[in-house]
Amino acid sequence: MNRYVIDAYAWIEYFDGTVSGKKAKEIIEDPQQEIHTQVITLSELASHFRRRGIPFDEAKKIIFSLSSIYPCTPEFAEGAGTFYADIKKERKHMSLADVFVLFTARQIQGKVITGDEDFRGLREVVMIK
């Protein structure tokens, strides 16, 4: 069993049914995989759906049924903040939300599923585009 953290990019592609989304779907819906979603990703997705004028409730139910929500404890937040300060030296465009996702993957010894170019080249990342 492999562990994966699904980034907002991958969830959006999944729900849009794109070619990249089908790659994500193969992993997300595989019962042999352990799937996680970082809690901050829910904020990104809620914002994305709102901007598109699409209700988020159904997508949220699907996310909850297919993945475990990884929480943000005070200790996690502090660790992610320290990691963010370090990674920004190399990756100027990486957002704090992206760092939360990447830090989650490191905490669970898993991989991030994404197509976001800010993640390209990192050892913990599986690119779907």
Foldseek 3Di string as FASTA:
>chain_A
DAEEEEALQQLVCLVVVHQLVVVSCVAQVPPVYAYEYEPVRVVVNCVVCVVVVHDCVVSVVVCVVRHHYDYCDVVLVVVLVVVVVVCCVPQVPDDSSNSSRVSVCVVVVHAYEHQDPSCPPDPRYDHSD
